[in-house]
Amino acid sequence: MAAEIPVIDFSRYSLAVDADKVPDSVLLELGQEVYQALATAPFLLLKNCGIEERLVRESFTCSRQFFELPAEVKQKYRRPDDPHDDNYNGWVGQGVESVNPEGPVDLKESFSYALWMEQKWPHEVVSFKPTLLNLNRQAMSLGKRILQGLALAMGLDRHFFDGPHKGAGTRNSMTATRCNYYPEITDETVILPNQMRIGEHADYVTLTLLFQDDQGGLEVKTKDGTWCPVLPVPGTVGVFVDLLLQRWTADKLKATVHRVIMPGGKCPARQSIIQLIAPDDDVEVKCVDGSDTYEPVNARSFVTGIFDKTY
């Protein structure tokens, strides 16, 4: 089943390439490859996209060091309880989130952050802030380039999605990076019936970029309803379609439904880092083909409405 996950070479528009020197004709061809892959498969992997592999490794190291701190230390960096809080970032402990409201709580903890974040950063891990912010900047830049390719493939102006996402990295956008930590499973781990490391769900913004370690466990749902494992491929970045992009495309691109399953026995801790690419808070998302497949929605209201059900 893992062979169903396409891998696309993004070197023609990687972060190492001057975007202004890439003509629309070249980006259109690449964008069509990405679009067709996302239209037919639930997920894809990009290689040669320009994000430094060393930076990804260092980000995982910093992330693990934070999550291995005592709970009373991490509590200082706890995320606000109100999902409508403008500074809705920080640490979330185990047993708090359930991304699938019909299932038990997810067996994980997380730390989310944004470029503009005003909260305290964990000074106990000295390199945490500069390393993770560097990854945030590179991932946001890659997300912008992916959307430019998709725009051309959809018959739109290359910069169609630039405007709705111009506030990424500011308080006017829910664009954020999230470090996920799935604790080690031991003989003493209490696992609830039907519990997963993270339950079945689709992300709620425009695009999600995924960095994962070598532990595996991620599965994506195919069009026929079966689950396909996503095996880690070193040097690649995963791409999810999210719910707002599904609305923009009037279902031509469907949001990636995914989960992280519980291993069948003892296993080490697992890590992932995701970059959520979100429209600006005041953006009205409506079908670009002019259809009424979905009613127009305000981006922030749509996302916080999902938060209300999840947390």
Protein backbone atom coordinates (compact mmCIF):
# COMPACT_ATOMS: atom_id res chain seq x y z
CA MET A 1 0.00 0.00 0.00
CA ALA A 2 2.86 2.45 0.69
CA ALA A 3 3.63 2.50 -3.04
CA GLU A 4 0.41 4.48 -3.58
CA ILE A 5 2.03 7.56 -2.04
CA PRO A 6 3.55 9.65 -4.88
CA VAL A 7 6.95 11.27 -4.50
CA ILE A 8 7.53 14.44 -6.56
CA ASP A 9 10.85 16.15 -7.23
CA PHE A 10 10.35 19.83 -6.32
CA SER A 11 13.86 20.97 -7.28
CA ARG A 12 12.58 23.22 -10.10
CA TYR A 13 10.97 25.52 -7.52
CA SER A 14 12.85 24.63 -4.35
CA LEU A 15 13.85 27.21 -1.77
CA ALA A 16 17.33 27.16 -3.31
CA VAL A 17 15.91 28.60 -6.55
CA ASP A 18 15.22 32.30 -7.16
CA ALA A 19 11.43 32.31 -7.57
CA ASP A 20 11.53 35.37 -9.84
CA LYS A 21 13.65 33.45 -12.35
CA VAL A 22 11.20 30.55 -12.68
CA PRO A 23 8.76 31.24 -15.56
CA ASP A 24 5.09 30.39 -15.28
CA SER A 25 5.52 27.65 -17.89
CA VAL A 26 7.97 25.74 -15.68
CA LEU A 27 5.93 26.26 -12.52
CA LEU A 28 2.73 25.27 -14.33
CA GLU A 29 4.22 21.91 -15.28
CA LEU A 30 5.37 21.29 -11.71
CA GLY A 31 2.10 22.57 -10.28
CA GLN A 32 0.14 20.20 -12.48
CA GLU A 33 2.20 17.27 -11.18
CA VAL A 34 1.42 18.28 -7.60
CA TYR A 35 -2.24 18.98 -8.35
CA GLN A 36 -2.81 15.67 -10.13
CA ALA A 37 -1.09 13.78 -7.35
CA LEU A 38 -3.26 15.42 -4.70
CA ALA A 39 -6.40 14.93 -6.82
CA THR A 40 -5.83 11.19 -7.15
CA ALA A 41 -3.87 10.21 -4.02
CA PRO A 42 -4.64 11.17 -0.43
CA PHE A 43 -1.15 12.49 0.25
CA LEU A 44 2.20 13.16 -1.41
CA LEU A 45 5.85 13.53 -0.56
CA LEU A 46 8.13 16.24 -1.95
CA LYS A 47 11.85 15.70 -2.34
CA ASN A 48 14.56 18.26 -3.12
CA CYS A 49 12.38 21.08 -1.82
CA GLY A 50 15.22 23.08 -0.29
CA ILE A 51 14.53 22.69 3.42
CA GLU A 52 17.80 21.82 5.13
CA GLU A 53 17.85 18.23 6.41
CA ARG A 54 20.25 19.31 9.16
CA LEU A 55 17.67 21.84 10.34
CA VAL A 56 14.96 19.18 10.47
CA ARG A 57 17.19 16.90 12.56
CA GLU A 58 18.08 19.73 14.93
CA SER A 59 14.40 20.66 15.25
CA PHE A 60 13.53 17.11 16.28
CA THR A 61 16.36 17.14 18.83
CA CYS A 62 15.15 20.40 20.38
CA SER A 63 11.56 19.20 20.34
CA ARG A 64 12.43 15.94 22.11
CA GLN A 65 14.50 17.78 24.72
CA PHE A 66 11.50 19.96 25.52
CA PHE A 67 9.03 17.08 25.77
CA GLU A 68 11.38 15.15 28.05
CA LEU A 69 11.32 17.98 30.60
CA PRO A 70 9.30 17.39 33.79
CA ALA A 71 5.59 18.14 33.45
CA GLU A 72 5.80 20.92 36.04
CA VAL A 73 8.34 22.71 33.83
CA LYS A 74 6.31 22.29 30.64
CA GLN A 75 3.26 23.56 32.51
CA LYS A 76 4.82 27.05 32.48
CA TYR A 77 4.35 27.08 28.71
CA ARG A 78 0.81 25.73 28.64
CA ARG A 79 -1.47 26.86 25.83
CA PRO A 80 -4.42 29.11 26.81
CA ASP A 81 -7.67 27.24 27.43
CA ASP A 82 -9.75 29.49 25.19
CA PRO A 83 -9.39 28.55 21.48
CA HIS A 84 -10.52 32.09 20.61
CA ASP A 85 -7.46 33.56 22.37
CA ASP A 86 -5.28 35.43 19.86
CA ASN A 87 -2.19 33.81 21.41
CA TYR A 88 -3.53 30.24 21.13
CA ASN A 89 -0.13 28.55 21.15
CA GLY A 90 1.97 26.60 23.62
CA TRP A 91 2.20 23.20 25.28
CA VAL A 92 -0.68 20.75 25.45
CA GLY A 93 -0.25 17.74 27.72
CA GLN A 94 -1.48 14.20 27.24
CA GLY A 95 -5.18 13.54 27.59
CA VAL A 96 -6.34 17.01 26.50
CA GLU A 97 -6.95 16.82 22.76
CA SER A 98 -9.28 14.56 20.84
CA VAL A 99 -9.13 15.47 17.16
CA ASN A 100 -11.83 12.87 16.56
CA PRO A 101 -14.64 13.98 18.91
CA GLU A 102 -16.21 10.53 18.63
CA GLY A 103 -13.07 8.78 19.92
CA PRO A 104 -11.04 8.78 23.13
CA VAL A 105 -8.36 11.38 23.81
CA ASP A 106 -5.21 11.22 21.71
CA LEU A 107 -2.14 9.63 23.28
CA LYS A 108 0.23 12.49 22.58
CA GLU A 109 1.36 15.91 23.69
CA SER A 110 2.26 18.91 21.57
CA PHE A 111 3.79 22.37 21.45
CA SER A 112 2.54 24.87 18.87
CA TYR A 113 4.16 28.17 18.04
CA ALA A 114 4.05 31.02 15.55
CA LEU A 115 6.59 33.53 14.28
CA TRP A 116 4.98 36.41 16.18
CA MET A 117 4.37 34.45 19.39
CA GLU A 118 4.51 36.57 22.52
CA GLN A 119 4.44 33.79 25.09
CA LYS A 120 7.54 32.64 26.88
CA TRP A 121 9.74 30.25 24.97
CA PRO A 122 11.20 27.30 26.91
CA HIS A 123 14.59 28.67 27.99
CA GLU A 124 15.45 25.25 29.43
CA VAL A 125 16.25 24.19 25.85
CA VAL A 126 18.61 26.96 24.75
CA SER A 127 18.44 26.37 20.99
CA PHE A 128 14.70 25.65 20.89
CA LYS A 129 13.49 29.09 19.80
CA PRO A 130 16.07 29.93 17.08
CA THR A 131 16.00 26.42 15.62
CA LEU A 132 12.23 25.99 15.50
CA LEU A 133 11.66 29.52 14.20
CA ASN A 134 14.13 28.86 11.39
CA LEU A 135 12.17 25.75 10.42
CA ASN A 136 8.96 27.78 10.62
CA ARG A 137 10.28 30.37 8.18
CA GLN A 138 11.50 27.81 5.67
CA ALA A 139 8.30 25.76 5.87
CA MET A 140 6.11 28.84 5.35
CA SER A 141 8.17 29.77 2.29
CA LEU A 142 7.78 26.27 0.88
CA GLY A 143 4.04 26.35 1.50
CA LYS A 144 3.77 29.60 -0.44
CA ARG A 145 5.59 28.06 -3.41
CA ILE A 146 3.40 24.96 -3.38
CA LEU A 147 0.27 27.14 -3.44
CA GLN A 148 1.65 29.17 -6.34
CA GLY A 149 2.09 25.99 -8.37
CA LEU A 150 -1.39 24.80 -7.45
CA ALA A 151 -2.87 28.16 -8.46
CA LEU A 152 -1.46 27.87 -11.98
CA ALA A 153 -2.64 24.27 -12.23
CA MET A 154 -6.15 25.47 -11.31
CA GLY A 155 -6.10 28.05 -14.12
CA LEU A 156 -5.62 30.94 -11.71
CA ASP A 157 -3.00 33.66 -11.46
CA ARG A 158 0.28 32.42 -10.02
CA HIS A 159 -0.14 34.68 -7.00
CA PHE A 160 -3.84 33.97 -6.38
CA PHE A 161 -3.19 32.47 -2.93
CA ASP A 162 -0.50 35.00 -1.96
CA GLY A 163 -3.01 37.67 -0.98
CA PRO A 164 -5.21 35.50 1.25
CA HIS A 165 -2.06 34.27 3.03
CA LYS A 166 -0.07 37.52 3.19
CA GLY A 167 -0.43 37.67 6.98
CA ALA A 168 1.29 34.33 7.60
CA GLY A 169 3.72 34.81 10.46
CA THR A 170 1.71 37.69 11.97
CA ARG A 171 -1.11 37.94 14.50
CA ASN A 172 -3.56 38.20 11.60
CA SER A 173 -3.15 34.53 10.67
CA MET A 174 -3.51 31.17 12.42
CA THR A 175 -0.51 29.86 10.49
CA ALA A 176 1.54 27.94 13.05
CA THR A 177 4.02 25.13 13.55
CA ARG A 178 3.24 22.24 15.84
CA CYS A 179 5.65 19.76 17.39
CA ASN A 180 3.93 16.48 18.25
CA TYR A 181 5.33 13.93 20.69
CA TYR A 182 3.88 10.45 20.98
CA PRO A 183 5.27 8.88 24.17
CA GLU A 184 7.00 5.54 24.38
CA ILE A 185 4.64 2.58 24.68
CA THR A 186 5.69 0.25 27.50
CA ASP A 187 4.11 -2.66 29.36
CA GLU A 188 2.84 -0.11 31.89
CA THR A 189 1.17 2.19 29.35
CA VAL A 190 -2.59 2.38 29.87
CA ILE A 191 -4.31 2.35 26.47
CA LEU A 192 -8.04 3.04 26.28
CA PRO A 193 -10.33 1.04 23.97
CA ASN A 194 -10.02 2.36 20.38
CA GLN A 195 -7.42 4.92 21.46
CA MET A 196 -4.92 6.15 18.89
CA ARG A 197 -1.81 8.24 19.06
CA ILE A 198 -3.89 10.75 17.10
CA GLY A 199 -7.39 9.98 15.94
CA GLU A 200 -8.90 10.12 12.47
CA HIS A 201 -9.22 13.70 11.24
CA ALA A 202 -8.44 16.21 8.49
CA ASP A 203 -6.54 19.40 9.18
CA TYR A 204 -8.59 22.55 9.06
CA VAL A 205 -6.58 25.26 7.28
CA THR A 206 -5.21 25.39 3.69
CA LEU A 207 -2.18 23.11 3.58
CA THR A 208 -0.20 21.10 6.10
CA LEU A 209 3.46 20.24 5.61
CA LEU A 210 4.72 17.21 7.53
CA PHE A 211 8.13 16.29 8.89
CA GLN A 212 8.23 12.89 10.59
CA ASP A 213 10.86 10.73 12.22
CA ASP A 214 11.61 7.12 11.31
CA GLN A 215 9.10 5.46 13.64
CA GLY A 216 6.12 5.29 11.27
CA GLY A 217 2.50 4.85 12.31
CA LEU A 218 0.92 7.52 10.10
CA GLU A 219 -1.91 6.31 7.87
CA VAL A 220 -3.97 8.20 5.28
CA LYS A 221 -7.44 7.24 4.09
CA THR A 222 -7.78 6.47 0.39
CA LYS A 223 -10.78 7.24 -1.80
CA ASP A 224 -12.14 3.72 -1.32
CA GLY A 225 -12.02 4.11 2.46
CA THR A 226 -9.02 1.91 3.15
CA TRP A 227 -6.06 3.03 5.21
CA CYS A 228 -2.64 3.39 3.59
CA PRO A 229 0.54 3.53 5.73
CA VAL A 230 2.90 6.42 5.03
CA LEU A 231 6.37 5.01 5.46
CA PRO A 232 9.03 7.59 6.39
CA VAL A 233 11.23 8.58 3.45
CA PRO A 234 14.35 10.52 4.50
CA GLY A 235 14.74 13.95 2.95
CA THR A 236 11.07 14.38 2.01
CA VAL A 237 8.29 16.67 3.19
CA GLY A 238 4.71 15.44 3.30
CA VAL A 239 1.84 17.53 1.93
CA PHE A 240 -1.75 17.34 3.19
CA VAL A 241 -4.72 19.06 1.58
CA ASP A 242 -6.73 20.75 4.35
CA LEU A 243 -10.41 21.57 4.72
CA LEU A 244 -10.24 25.18 3.55
CA LEU A 245 -8.40 24.22 0.36
CA GLN A 246 -11.08 21.60 -0.25
CA ARG A 247 -13.67 24.38 -0.05
CA TRP A 248 -11.64 26.69 -2.31
CA THR A 249 -11.39 23.95 -4.95
CA ALA A 250 -15.04 22.88 -4.59
CA ASP A 251 -14.00 19.30 -3.75
CA LYS A 252 -11.61 18.94 -6.68
CA LEU A 253 -8.94 18.47 -4.02
CA LYS A 254 -10.20 16.58 -0.98
CA ALA A 255 -8.82 17.12 2.51
CA THR A 256 -6.42 14.40 3.65
CA VAL A 257 -8.02 12.24 6.32
CA HIS A 258 -5.28 10.72 8.45
CA ARG A 259 -4.44 9.16 11.80
CA VAL A 260 -1.50 7.78 13.75
CA ILE A 261 -2.23 4.26 14.88
CA MET A 262 -1.20 2.58 18.09
CA PRO A 263 1.63 0.08 17.61
CA GLY A 264 0.90 -3.52 18.39
CA GLY A 265 3.12 -3.68 21.45
CA LYS A 266 6.02 -1.82 22.97
CA CYS A 267 7.67 0.86 20.85
CA PRO A 268 9.82 3.98 21.19
CA ALA A 269 8.48 7.50 21.28
CA ARG A 270 7.49 9.03 17.95
CA GLN A 271 7.87 12.64 16.80
CA SER A 272 6.45 14.76 14.02
CA ILE A 273 6.48 18.46 13.21
CA ILE A 274 3.74 19.99 11.09
CA GLN A 275 3.49 23.40 9.46
CA LEU A 276 -0.08 24.64 9.19
CA ILE A 277 -0.54 27.13 6.33
CA ALA A 278 -3.64 29.18 7.13
CA PRO A 279 -5.40 32.07 5.40
CA ASP A 280 -5.50 35.45 7.10
CA ASP A 281 -8.20 35.72 9.75
CA ASP A 282 -10.43 38.05 7.74
CA VAL A 283 -10.32 36.08 4.47
CA GLU A 284 -13.58 34.84 2.99
CA VAL A 285 -13.02 31.38 1.53
CA LYS A 286 -15.33 30.56 -1.36
CA CYS A 287 -15.30 28.17 -4.30
CA VAL A 288 -13.02 29.57 -7.01
CA ASP A 289 -15.10 27.97 -9.77
CA GLY A 290 -18.10 30.11 -8.80
CA SER A 291 -20.16 27.10 -7.76
CA ASP A 292 -22.26 26.78 -4.63
CA THR A 293 -20.62 23.53 -3.52
CA TYR A 294 -19.84 25.31 -0.26
CA GLU A 295 -21.14 28.51 1.27
CA PRO A 296 -18.47 31.19 1.76
CA VAL A 297 -16.91 31.08 5.23
CA ASN A 298 -14.69 33.36 7.27
CA ALA A 299 -11.35 31.60 7.70
CA ARG A 300 -10.87 32.26 11.42
CA SER A 301 -14.48 31.50 12.36
CA PHE A 302 -14.27 28.21 10.48
CA VAL A 303 -11.09 27.15 12.27
CA THR A 304 -12.14 28.22 15.76
CA GLY A 305 -15.44 26.41 15.24
CA ILE A 306 -13.46 23.19 14.80
CA PHE A 307 -11.29 24.03 17.82
CA ASP A 308 -14.44 24.33 19.93
CA LYS A 309 -15.28 20.70 19.13
CA THR A 310 -11.74 19.37 19.50
CA TYR A 311 -10.51 20.81 22.80
